[in-house]
Amino acid sequence: MNEEEMKKRLDVLRTEHRDLDAAIDALSGAGSTDQLQIARLKKRKLRLKDQISMIEDYLIPDIIA
């Protein structure tokens, strides 16, 4: 994957992460009794966060002072 593709992938992941956050809030706010579904969405959201972090770490190199 080149840098441009990684940036596009990062945008997609961030959008999906925001969408999952909204879905979790909606289910929780509606008093949903489907805790298993909410837990699955939260796990998916955490996996996305990890993927986002990995790509950001690759795109933004550490600066050694």
PDB file of N, CA and C in Angstrom:
ATOM      1  N   MET A   1       0.841  -1.176   0.000  1.00  0.00           N
ATOM      2  CA  MET A   1       0.000   0.000   0.000  1.00  0.00           C
ATOM      3  C   MET A   1       0.888   1.241   0.000  1.00  0.00           C
ATOM      4  N   ASN A   2       0.599   2.167  -0.891  1.00  0.00           N
ATOM      5  CA  ASN A   2       1.383   3.394  -0.872  1.00  0.00           C
ATOM      6  C   ASN A   2       0.742   4.400   0.080  1.00  0.00           C
ATOM      7  N   GLU A   3       1.391   5.529   0.245  1.00  0.00           N
ATOM      8  CA  GLU A   3       0.952   6.511   1.237  1.00  0.00           C
ATOM      9  C   GLU A   3      -0.442   7.060   0.923  1.00  0.00           C
ATOM     10  N   GLU A   4      -0.717   7.301  -0.341  1.00  0.00           N
ATOM     11  CA  GLU A   4      -2.032   7.838  -0.738  1.00  0.00           C
ATOM     12  C   GLU A   4      -3.150   6.839  -0.428  1.00  0.00           C
ATOM     13  N   GLU A   5      -2.911   5.571  -0.705  1.00  0.00           N
ATOM     14  CA  GLU A   5      -3.906   4.540  -0.400  1.00  0.00           C
ATOM     15  C   GLU A   5      -4.129   4.423   1.105  1.00  0.00           C
ATOM     16  N   MET A   6      -3.039   4.581   1.867  1.00  0.00           N
ATOM     17  CA  MET A   6      -3.155   4.502   3.320  1.00  0.00           C
ATOM     18  C   MET A   6      -3.987   5.664   3.862  1.00  0.00           C
ATOM     19  N   LYS A   7      -3.827   6.845   3.280  1.00  0.00           N
ATOM     20  CA  LYS A   7      -4.616   8.003   3.711  1.00  0.00           C
ATOM     21  C   LYS A   7      -6.092   7.791   3.407  1.00  0.00           C
ATOM     22  N   LYS A   8      -6.385   7.227   2.247  1.00  0.00           N
ATOM     23  CA  LYS A   8      -7.781   6.939   1.894  1.00  0.00           C
ATOM     24  C   LYS A   8      -8.368   5.897   2.838  1.00  0.00           C
ATOM     25  N   ARG A   9      -7.593   4.861   3.124  1.00  0.00           N
ATOM     26  CA  ARG A   9      -8.033   3.814   4.054  1.00  0.00           C
ATOM     27  C   ARG A   9      -8.279   4.402   5.441  1.00  0.00           C
ATOM     28  N   LEU A  10      -7.419   5.314   5.860  1.00  0.00           N
ATOM     29  CA  LEU A  10      -7.564   5.974   7.148  1.00  0.00           C
ATOM     30  C   LEU A  10      -8.870   6.766   7.213  1.00  0.00           C
ATOM     31  N   ASP A  11      -9.206   7.464   6.145  1.00  0.00           N
ATOM     32  CA  ASP A  11     -10.468   8.208   6.100  1.00  0.00           C
ATOM     33  C   ASP A  11     -11.667   7.273   6.209  1.00  0.00           C
ATOM     34  N   VAL A  12     -11.611   6.147   5.518  1.00  0.00           N
ATOM     35  CA  VAL A  12     -12.699   5.165   5.570  1.00  0.00           C
ATOM     36  C   VAL A  12     -12.847   4.605   6.980  1.00  0.00           C
ATOM     37  N   LEU A  13     -11.731   4.271   7.600  1.00  0.00           N
ATOM     38  CA  LEU A  13     -11.763   3.720   8.954  1.00  0.00           C
ATOM     39  C   LEU A  13     -12.311   4.734   9.958  1.00  0.00           C
ATOM     40  N   ARG A  14     -11.897   5.982   9.825  1.00  0.00           N
ATOM     41  CA  ARG A  14     -12.397   7.018  10.733  1.00  0.00           C
ATOM     42  C   ARG A  14     -13.903   7.216  10.581  1.00  0.00           C
ATOM     43  N   THR A  15     -14.381   7.184   9.341  1.00  0.00           N
ATOM     44  CA  THR A  15     -15.820   7.321   9.099  1.00  0.00           C
ATOM     45  C   THR A  15     -16.584   6.159   9.712  1.00  0.00           C
ATOM     46  N   GLU A  16     -16.090   4.961   9.510  1.00  0.00           N
ATOM     47  CA  GLU A  16     -16.741   3.785  10.086  1.00  0.00           C
ATOM     48  C   GLU A  16     -16.721   3.838  11.612  1.00  0.00           C
ATOM     49  N   HIS A  17     -15.628   4.330  12.185  1.00  0.00           N
ATOM     50  CA  HIS A  17     -15.512   4.454  13.634  1.00  0.00           C
ATOM     51  C   HIS A  17     -16.575   5.431  14.171  1.00  0.00           C
ATOM     52  N   ARG A  18     -16.740   6.567  13.492  1.00  0.00           N
ATOM     53  CA  ARG A  18     -17.766   7.544  13.900  1.00  0.00           C
ATOM     54  C   ARG A  18     -19.165   6.962  13.771  1.00  0.00           C
ATOM     55  N   ASP A  19     -19.397   6.214  12.689  1.00  0.00           N
ATOM     56  CA  ASP A  19     -20.706   5.595  12.481  1.00  0.00           C
ATOM     57  C   ASP A  19     -21.017   4.580  13.571  1.00  0.00           C
ATOM     58  N   LEU A  20     -20.025   3.790  13.940  1.00  0.00           N
ATOM     59  CA  LEU A  20     -20.225   2.820  15.018  1.00  0.00           C
ATOM     60  C   LEU A  20     -20.505   3.528  16.343  1.00  0.00           C
ATOM     61  N   ASP A  21     -19.813   4.617  16.589  1.00  0.00           N
ATOM     62  CA  ASP A  21     -20.036   5.377  17.815  1.00  0.00           C
ATOM     63  C   ASP A  21     -21.482   5.878  17.859  1.00  0.00           C
ATOM     64  N   ALA A  22     -21.972   6.385  16.742  1.00  0.00           N
ATOM     65  CA  ALA A  22     -23.352   6.867  16.677  1.00  0.00           C
ATOM     66  C   ALA A  22     -24.340   5.714  16.874  1.00  0.00           C
ATOM     67  N   ALA A  23     -24.047   4.563  16.285  1.00  0.00           N
ATOM     68  CA  ALA A  23     -24.935   3.406  16.419  1.00  0.00           C
ATOM     69  C   ALA A  23     -24.980   2.919  17.868  1.00  0.00           C
ATOM     70  N   ILE A  24     -23.830   2.891  18.517  1.00  0.00           N
ATOM     71  CA  ILE A  24     -23.776   2.467  19.922  1.00  0.00           C
ATOM     72  C   ILE A  24     -24.575   3.440  20.795  1.00  0.00           C
ATOM     73  N   ASP A  25     -24.383   4.733  20.555  1.00  0.00           N
ATOM     74  CA  ASP A  25     -25.126   5.736  21.319  1.00  0.00           C
ATOM     75  C   ASP A  25     -26.630   5.601  21.095  1.00  0.00           C
ATOM     76  N   ALA A  26     -27.030   5.358  19.852  1.00  0.00           N
ATOM     77  CA  ALA A  26     -28.451   5.224  19.544  1.00  0.00           C
ATOM     78  C   ALA A  26     -29.052   3.999  20.227  1.00  0.00           C
ATOM     79  N   LEU A  27     -28.346   2.882  20.178  1.00  0.00           N
ATOM     80  CA  LEU A  27     -28.849   1.671  20.829  1.00  0.00           C
ATOM     81  C   LEU A  27     -28.912   1.832  22.347  1.00  0.00           C
ATOM     82  N   SER A  28     -27.879   2.441  22.902  1.00  0.00           N
ATOM     83  CA  SER A  28     -27.851   2.638  24.349  1.00  0.00           C
ATOM     84  C   SER A  28     -28.916   3.640  24.782  1.00  0.00           C
ATOM     85  N   GLY A  29     -29.075   4.695  24.018  1.00  0.00           N
ATOM     86  CA  GLY A  29     -30.052   5.729  24.345  1.00  0.00           C
ATOM     87  C   GLY A  29     -31.481   5.263  24.197  1.00  0.00           C
ATOM     88  N   ALA A  30     -31.710   4.314  23.306  1.00  0.00           N
ATOM     89  CA  ALA A  30     -33.055   3.802  23.072  1.00  0.00           C
ATOM     90  C   ALA A  30     -33.437   2.755  24.111  1.00  0.00           C
ATOM     91  N   GLY A  31     -32.527   2.477  25.015  1.00  0.00           N
ATOM     92  CA  GLY A  31     -32.814   1.486  26.047  1.00  0.00           C
ATOM     93  C   GLY A  31     -32.843   0.077  25.495  1.00  0.00           C
ATOM     94  N   SER A  32     -31.993  -0.169  24.516  1.00  0.00           N
ATOM     95  CA  SER A  32     -31.943  -1.486  23.890  1.00  0.00           C
ATOM     96  C   SER A  32     -31.544  -2.551  24.911  1.00  0.00           C
ATOM     97  N   THR A  33     -32.225  -3.664  24.843  1.00  0.00           N
ATOM     98  CA  THR A  33     -31.895  -4.770  25.747  1.00  0.00           C
ATOM     99  C   THR A  33     -30.927  -5.747  25.095  1.00  0.00           C
ATOM    100  N   ASP A  34     -30.520  -5.461  23.870  1.00  0.00           N
ATOM    101  CA  ASP A  34     -29.604  -6.346  23.152  1.00  0.00           C
ATOM    102  C   ASP A  34     -28.158  -5.981  23.495  1.00  0.00           C
ATOM    103  N   GLN A  35     -27.745  -6.352  24.689  1.00  0.00           N
ATOM    104  CA  GLN A  35     -26.398  -6.028  25.152  1.00  0.00           C
ATOM    105  C   GLN A  35     -25.319  -6.739  24.350  1.00  0.00           C
ATOM    106  N   LEU A  36     -25.649  -7.899  23.819  1.00  0.00           N
ATOM    107  CA  LEU A  36     -24.684  -8.631  23.006  1.00  0.00           C
ATOM    108  C   LEU A  36     -24.352  -7.845  21.734  1.00  0.00           C
ATOM    109  N   GLN A  37     -25.355  -7.280  21.107  1.00  0.00           N
ATOM    110  CA  GLN A  37     -25.142  -6.485  19.900  1.00  0.00           C
ATOM    111  C   GLN A  37     -24.294  -5.248  20.218  1.00  0.00           C
ATOM    112  N   ILE A  38     -24.596  -4.600  21.319  1.00  0.00           N
ATOM    113  CA  ILE A  38     -23.822  -3.419  21.718  1.00  0.00           C
ATOM    114  C   ILE A  38     -22.367  -3.808  21.989  1.00  0.00           C
ATOM    115  N   ALA A  39     -22.165  -4.929  22.659  1.00  0.00           N
ATOM    116  CA  ALA A  39     -20.802  -5.395  22.942  1.00  0.00           C
ATOM    117  C   ALA A  39     -20.047  -5.693  21.651  1.00  0.00           C
ATOM    118  N   ARG A  40     -20.707  -6.289  20.691  1.00  0.00           N
ATOM    119  CA  ARG A  40     -20.056  -6.580  19.403  1.00  0.00           C
ATOM    120  C   ARG A  40     -19.667  -5.299  18.686  1.00  0.00           C
ATOM    121  N   LEU A  41     -20.551  -4.311  18.726  1.00  0.00           N
ATOM    122  CA  LEU A  41     -20.244  -3.035  18.082  1.00  0.00           C
ATOM    123  C   LEU A  41     -19.056  -2.362  18.770  1.00  0.00           C
ATOM    124  N   LYS A  42     -18.996  -2.446  20.083  1.00  0.00           N
ATOM    125  CA  LYS A  42     -17.883  -1.849  20.817  1.00  0.00           C
ATOM    126  C   LYS A  42     -16.567  -2.548  20.488  1.00  0.00           C
ATOM    127  N   LYS A  43     -16.592  -3.869  20.348  1.00  0.00           N
ATOM    128  CA  LYS A  43     -15.374  -4.608  19.979  1.00  0.00           C
ATOM    129  C   LYS A  43     -14.913  -4.212  18.586  1.00  0.00           C
ATOM    130  N   ARG A  44     -15.866  -4.084  17.675  1.00  0.00           N
ATOM    131  CA  ARG A  44     -15.535  -3.672  16.302  1.00  0.00           C
ATOM    132  C   ARG A  44     -14.921  -2.273  16.311  1.00  0.00           C
ATOM    133  N   LYS A  45     -15.498  -1.399  17.129  1.00  0.00           N
ATOM    134  CA  LYS A  45     -14.994  -0.034  17.237  1.00  0.00           C
ATOM    135  C   LYS A  45     -13.555  -0.028  17.759  1.00  0.00           C
ATOM    136  N   LEU A  46     -13.254  -0.881  18.736  1.00  0.00           N
ATOM    137  CA  LEU A  46     -11.888  -0.967  19.266  1.00  0.00           C
ATOM    138  C   LEU A  46     -10.906  -1.488  18.217  1.00  0.00           C
ATOM    139  N   ARG A  47     -11.342  -2.474  17.422  1.00  0.00           N
ATOM    140  CA  ARG A  47     -10.470  -2.983  16.350  1.00  0.00           C
ATOM    141  C   ARG A  47     -10.180  -1.884  15.333  1.00  0.00           C
ATOM    142  N   LEU A  48     -11.209  -1.098  15.009  1.00  0.00           N
ATOM    143  CA  LEU A  48     -11.006   0.009  14.074  1.00  0.00           C
ATOM    144  C   LEU A  48     -10.023   1.023  14.647  1.00  0.00           C
ATOM    145  N   LYS A  49     -10.160   1.309  15.937  1.00  0.00           N
ATOM    146  CA  LYS A  49      -9.255   2.263  16.584  1.00  0.00           C
ATOM    147  C   LYS A  49      -7.819   1.776  16.501  1.00  0.00           C
ATOM    148  N   ASP A  50      -7.613   0.478  16.692  1.00  0.00           N
ATOM    149  CA  ASP A  50      -6.263  -0.089  16.585  1.00  0.00           C
ATOM    150  C   ASP A  50      -5.719   0.049  15.170  1.00  0.00           C
ATOM    151  N   GLN A  51      -6.556  -0.221  14.170  1.00  0.00           N
ATOM    152  CA  GLN A  51      -6.127  -0.096  12.781  1.00  0.00           C
ATOM    153  C   GLN A  51      -5.798   1.357  12.450  1.00  0.00           C
ATOM    154  N   ILE A  52      -6.624   2.279  12.941  1.00  0.00           N
ATOM    155  CA  ILE A  52      -6.380   3.706  12.719  1.00  0.00           C
ATOM    156  C   ILE A  52      -5.038   4.099  13.330  1.00  0.00           C
ATOM    157  N   SER A  53      -4.781   3.649  14.538  1.00  0.00           N
ATOM    158  CA  SER A  53      -3.523   3.973  15.218  1.00  0.00           C
ATOM    159  C   SER A  53      -2.317   3.433  14.459  1.00  0.00           C
ATOM    160  N   MET A  54      -2.424   2.210  13.950  1.00  0.00           N
ATOM    161  CA  MET A  54      -1.309   1.618  13.203  1.00  0.00           C
ATOM    162  C   MET A  54      -0.999   2.441  11.952  1.00  0.00           C
ATOM    163  N   ILE A  55      -2.025   2.827  11.222  1.00  0.00           N
ATOM    164  CA  ILE A  55      -1.804   3.598   9.996  1.00  0.00           C
ATOM    165  C   ILE A  55      -1.257   4.979  10.331  1.00  0.00           C
ATOM    166  N   GLU A  56      -1.808   5.624  11.364  1.00  0.00           N
ATOM    167  CA  GLU A  56      -1.301   6.941  11.761  1.00  0.00           C
ATOM    168  C   GLU A  56       0.158   6.860  12.182  1.00  0.00           C
ATOM    169  N   ASP A  57       0.523   5.818  12.917  1.00  0.00           N
ATOM    170  CA  ASP A  57       1.920   5.655  13.333  1.00  0.00           C
ATOM    171  C   ASP A  57       2.833   5.499  12.132  1.00  0.00           C
ATOM    172  N   TYR A  58       2.355   4.805  11.110  1.00  0.00           N
ATOM    173  CA  TYR A  58       3.170   4.614   9.910  1.00  0.00           C
ATOM    174  C   TYR A  58       3.308   5.922   9.133  1.00  0.00           C
ATOM    175  N   LEU A  59       2.201   6.672   9.032  1.00  0.00           N
ATOM    176  CA  LEU A  59       2.212   7.897   8.229  1.00  0.00           C
ATOM    177  C   LEU A  59       2.929   9.055   8.925  1.00  0.00           C
ATOM    178  N   ILE A  60       2.902   9.064  10.261  1.00  0.00           N
ATOM    179  CA  ILE A  60       3.530  10.142  11.014  1.00  0.00           C
ATOM    180  C   ILE A  60       4.728   9.550  11.751  1.00  0.00           C
ATOM    181  N   PRO A  61       5.910   9.700  11.177  1.00  0.00           N
ATOM    182  CA  PRO A  61       7.097   9.088  11.791  1.00  0.00           C
ATOM    183  C   PRO A  61       7.456   9.779  13.110  1.00  0.00           C
ATOM    184  N   ASP A  62       8.058   9.003  13.988  1.00  0.00           N
ATOM    185  CA  ASP A  62       8.536   9.531  15.260  1.00  0.00           C
ATOM    186  C   ASP A  62       9.707  10.463  14.994  1.00  0.00           C
ATOM    187  N   ILE A  63       9.732  11.556  15.729  1.00  0.00           N
ATOM    188  CA  ILE A  63      10.834  12.502  15.604  1.00  0.00           C
ATOM    189  C   ILE A  63      11.732  12.331  16.824  1.00  0.00           C
ATOM    190  N   ILE A  64      12.958  11.969  16.577  1.00  0.00           N
ATOM    191  CA  ILE A  64      13.912  11.780  17.664  1.00  0.00           C
ATOM    192  C   ILE A  64      14.587  13.115  17.932  1.00  0.00           C
ATOM    193  N   ALA A  65      14.432  13.595  19.153  1.00  0.00           N
ATOM    194  CA  ALA A  65      14.976  14.911  19.501  1.00  0.00           C
ATOM    195  C   ALA A  65      16.447  14.829  19.826  1.00  0.00           C
TER     196      ALA A  65
END
